Amino acid sequence: MAILDYAGTTLALATVPLVATIVVLTKLVAFIPVLVKWRKDEETSTAKGVRVPQDEGKVAEFNELRRRAGSSA
């Protein structure tokens, strides 16, 4: 019977690293979308900050105001 106790203990101890490995791999797989989003954010960022979509009407209005201010100065 001692051999069965030894086999059971060995099996129990062997499952601990197996379960830990499965948990770690599950966490890594769950983290992949975060890495993909971070990479996309890095590709769309500039040195000054993240680019934001701009309203063309507001951009034209701002450029017109800059042009007027430049011509009066």
N, C-alpha and C. Protein backbone atom coordinates (compact mmCIF):
# COMPACT_ATOMS: atom_id res chain seq x y z
N MET A 1 0.81 -1.19 0.00
CA MET A 1 0.00 0.00 0.00
C MET A 1 0.85 1.26 0.00
N ALA A 2 2.07 1.11 0.45
CA ALA A 2 2.94 2.29 0.50
C ALA A 2 3.20 2.83 -0.90
N ILE A 3 3.25 1.93 -1.88
CA ILE A 3 3.49 2.38 -3.25
C ILE A 3 2.33 3.23 -3.75
N LEU A 4 1.11 2.89 -3.34
CA LEU A 4 -0.05 3.69 -3.74
C LEU A 4 -0.04 5.05 -3.07
N ASP A 5 0.39 5.09 -1.81
CA ASP A 5 0.51 6.38 -1.13
C ASP A 5 1.56 7.25 -1.82
N TYR A 6 2.68 6.62 -2.19
CA TYR A 6 3.75 7.35 -2.87
C TYR A 6 3.27 7.86 -4.22
N ALA A 7 2.56 7.02 -4.96
CA ALA A 7 2.06 7.41 -6.28
C ALA A 7 1.02 8.53 -6.15
N GLY A 8 0.17 8.43 -5.16
CA GLY A 8 -0.84 9.47 -4.96
C GLY A 8 -0.22 10.80 -4.58
N THR A 9 0.79 10.75 -3.72
CA THR A 9 1.49 11.98 -3.31
C THR A 9 2.22 12.59 -4.49
N THR A 10 2.88 11.76 -5.27
CA THR A 10 3.60 12.25 -6.44
C THR A 10 2.63 12.88 -7.44
N LEU A 11 1.51 12.24 -7.64
CA LEU A 11 0.51 12.78 -8.56
C LEU A 11 -0.03 14.11 -8.05
N ALA A 12 -0.28 14.19 -6.75
CA ALA A 12 -0.79 15.43 -6.17
C ALA A 12 0.23 16.55 -6.30
N LEU A 13 1.49 16.24 -6.04
CA LEU A 13 2.53 17.26 -6.15
C LEU A 13 2.79 17.66 -7.60
N ALA A 14 2.58 16.75 -8.52
CA ALA A 14 2.80 17.06 -9.93
C ALA A 14 1.70 17.95 -10.49
N THR A 15 0.52 17.90 -9.89
CA THR A 15 -0.57 18.73 -10.42
C THR A 15 -0.43 20.20 -10.02
N VAL A 16 0.30 20.48 -8.96
CA VAL A 16 0.46 21.88 -8.53
C VAL A 16 1.16 22.71 -9.61
N PRO A 17 2.32 22.30 -10.12
CA PRO A 17 2.93 23.11 -11.19
C PRO A 17 2.10 23.12 -12.47
N LEU A 18 1.39 22.03 -12.73
CA LEU A 18 0.54 21.99 -13.92
C LEU A 18 -0.57 23.02 -13.82
N VAL A 19 -1.23 23.08 -12.69
CA VAL A 19 -2.31 24.05 -12.50
C VAL A 19 -1.74 25.47 -12.54
N ALA A 20 -0.60 25.68 -11.91
CA ALA A 20 0.02 27.01 -11.93
C ALA A 20 0.37 27.43 -13.35
N THR A 21 0.88 26.51 -14.15
CA THR A 21 1.21 26.81 -15.54
C THR A 21 -0.04 27.16 -16.33
N ILE A 22 -1.11 26.44 -16.12
CA ILE A 22 -2.37 26.72 -16.82
C ILE A 22 -2.89 28.10 -16.43
N VAL A 23 -2.80 28.44 -15.16
CA VAL A 23 -3.27 29.76 -14.70
C VAL A 23 -2.44 30.87 -15.34
N VAL A 24 -1.13 30.71 -15.36
CA VAL A 24 -0.26 31.74 -15.95
C VAL A 24 -0.53 31.88 -17.44
N LEU A 25 -0.67 30.78 -18.15
CA LEU A 25 -0.95 30.85 -19.58
C LEU A 25 -2.30 31.50 -19.85
N THR A 26 -3.28 31.22 -19.02
CA THR A 26 -4.59 31.85 -19.17
C THR A 26 -4.50 33.35 -18.98
N LYS A 27 -3.73 33.79 -17.99
CA LYS A 27 -3.55 35.23 -17.76
C LYS A 27 -2.83 35.88 -18.94
N LEU A 28 -1.83 35.20 -19.50
CA LEU A 28 -1.11 35.75 -20.65
C LEU A 28 -2.01 35.88 -21.86
N VAL A 29 -2.83 34.87 -22.11
CA VAL A 29 -3.75 34.92 -23.25
C VAL A 29 -4.76 36.04 -23.05
N ALA A 30 -5.21 36.25 -21.83
CA ALA A 30 -6.16 37.33 -21.55
C ALA A 30 -5.50 38.69 -21.72
N PHE A 31 -4.18 38.78 -21.59
CA PHE A 31 -3.46 40.05 -21.68
C PHE A 31 -3.14 40.44 -23.12
N ILE A 32 -3.26 39.52 -24.07
CA ILE A 32 -2.93 39.80 -25.47
C ILE A 32 -3.73 40.97 -26.04
N PRO A 33 -5.05 41.06 -25.84
CA PRO A 33 -5.78 42.22 -26.37
C PRO A 33 -5.27 43.56 -25.82
N VAL A 34 -4.82 43.56 -24.58
CA VAL A 34 -4.27 44.79 -24.00
C VAL A 34 -3.00 45.18 -24.73
N LEU A 35 -2.15 44.21 -25.04
CA LEU A 35 -0.92 44.50 -25.77
C LEU A 35 -1.21 44.99 -27.18
N VAL A 36 -2.19 44.40 -27.83
CA VAL A 36 -2.56 44.82 -29.19
C VAL A 36 -3.07 46.25 -29.17
N LYS A 37 -3.90 46.60 -28.21
CA LYS A 37 -4.43 47.96 -28.10
C LYS A 37 -3.29 48.94 -27.82
N TRP A 38 -2.37 48.56 -26.94
CA TRP A 38 -1.24 49.43 -26.61
C TRP A 38 -0.38 49.68 -27.85
N ARG A 39 -0.19 48.64 -28.65
CA ARG A 39 0.62 48.80 -29.86
C ARG A 39 -0.07 49.74 -30.85
N LYS A 40 -1.38 49.59 -31.00
CA LYS A 40 -2.12 50.48 -31.89
C LYS A 40 -2.04 51.92 -31.39
N ASP A 41 -2.15 52.11 -30.07
CA ASP A 41 -2.04 53.45 -29.50
C ASP A 41 -0.65 54.03 -29.76
N GLU A 42 0.38 53.21 -29.67
CA GLU A 42 1.74 53.69 -29.93
C GLU A 42 1.90 54.10 -31.39
N GLU A 43 1.28 53.38 -32.31
CA GLU A 43 1.39 53.70 -33.72
C GLU A 43 0.67 55.00 -34.07
N THR A 44 -0.37 55.36 -33.33
CA THR A 44 -1.14 56.56 -33.64
C THR A 44 -0.77 57.74 -32.76
N SER A 45 0.25 57.59 -31.93
CA SER A 45 0.63 58.70 -31.06
C SER A 45 1.78 59.49 -31.68
N THR A 46 1.95 60.70 -31.19
CA THR A 46 3.06 61.55 -31.63
C THR A 46 3.90 61.87 -30.41
N ALA A 47 4.97 62.62 -30.62
CA ALA A 47 5.83 63.00 -29.50
C ALA A 47 5.10 63.92 -28.53
N LYS A 48 4.17 64.72 -29.03
CA LYS A 48 3.45 65.66 -28.18
C LYS A 48 2.25 65.01 -27.50
N GLY A 49 1.78 63.94 -27.99
CA GLY A 49 0.62 63.29 -27.40
C GLY A 49 -0.13 62.49 -28.44
N VAL A 50 -1.29 62.04 -28.06
CA VAL A 50 -2.09 61.19 -28.93
C VAL A 50 -2.87 62.07 -29.90
N ARG A 51 -2.87 61.69 -31.15
CA ARG A 51 -3.65 62.41 -32.15
C ARG A 51 -5.13 62.22 -31.88
N VAL A 52 -5.88 63.29 -32.05
CA VAL A 52 -7.32 63.19 -31.90
C VAL A 52 -7.97 63.59 -33.21
N PRO A 53 -9.06 62.94 -33.56
CA PRO A 53 -9.76 63.34 -34.79
C PRO A 53 -10.25 64.77 -34.65
N GLN A 54 -10.10 65.55 -35.73
CA GLN A 54 -10.48 66.95 -35.68
C GLN A 54 -11.63 67.22 -36.63
N ASP A 55 -12.47 68.15 -36.23
CA ASP A 55 -13.58 68.60 -37.05
C ASP A 55 -13.01 69.54 -38.11
N GLU A 56 -13.25 69.25 -39.38
CA GLU A 56 -12.68 70.06 -40.46
C GLU A 56 -13.15 71.51 -40.41
N GLY A 57 -14.40 71.72 -40.00
CA GLY A 57 -14.92 73.09 -39.89
C GLY A 57 -14.16 73.88 -38.84
N LYS A 58 -13.88 73.27 -37.72
CA LYS A 58 -13.13 73.94 -36.65
C LYS A 58 -11.70 74.22 -37.10
N VAL A 59 -11.10 73.29 -37.83
CA VAL A 59 -9.74 73.49 -38.31
C VAL A 59 -9.70 74.66 -39.28
N ALA A 60 -10.66 74.72 -40.19
CA ALA A 60 -10.70 75.83 -41.16
C ALA A 60 -10.92 77.16 -40.44
N GLU A 61 -11.79 77.17 -39.44
CA GLU A 61 -12.04 78.39 -38.67
C GLU A 61 -10.78 78.83 -37.93
N PHE A 62 -10.09 77.90 -37.33
CA PHE A 62 -8.85 78.21 -36.62
C PHE A 62 -7.79 78.76 -37.57
N ASN A 63 -7.65 78.13 -38.73
CA ASN A 63 -6.67 78.60 -39.71
C ASN A 63 -7.02 80.00 -40.20
N GLU A 64 -8.30 80.28 -40.38
CA GLU A 64 -8.73 81.62 -40.80
C GLU A 64 -8.38 82.65 -39.73
N LEU A 65 -8.63 82.33 -38.48
CA LEU A 65 -8.28 83.24 -37.38
C LEU A 65 -6.77 83.46 -37.31
N ARG A 66 -6.00 82.41 -37.52
CA ARG A 66 -4.54 82.57 -37.52
C ARG A 66 -4.09 83.45 -38.67
N ARG A 67 -4.73 83.27 -39.84
CA ARG A 67 -4.37 84.08 -41.00
C ARG A 67 -4.68 85.55 -40.74
N ARG A 68 -5.85 85.83 -40.17
CA ARG A 68 -6.23 87.22 -39.86
C ARG A 68 -5.29 87.83 -38.83
N ALA A 69 -4.96 87.07 -37.81
CA ALA A 69 -4.07 87.59 -36.77
C ALA A 69 -2.68 87.84 -37.33
N GLY A 70 -2.25 87.01 -38.24
CA GLY A 70 -0.93 87.19 -38.85
C GLY A 70 -0.88 88.39 -39.76
N SER A 71 -1.98 88.68 -40.46
CA SER A 71 -1.99 89.81 -41.40
C SER A 71 -2.09 91.14 -40.67
N SER A 72 -2.69 91.17 -39.48
CA SER A 72 -2.82 92.42 -38.74
C SER A 72 -1.58 92.72 -37.92
N ALA A 73 -0.75 91.76 -37.69
CA ALA A 73 0.43 91.97 -36.84
C ALA A 73 1.58 92.56 -37.61
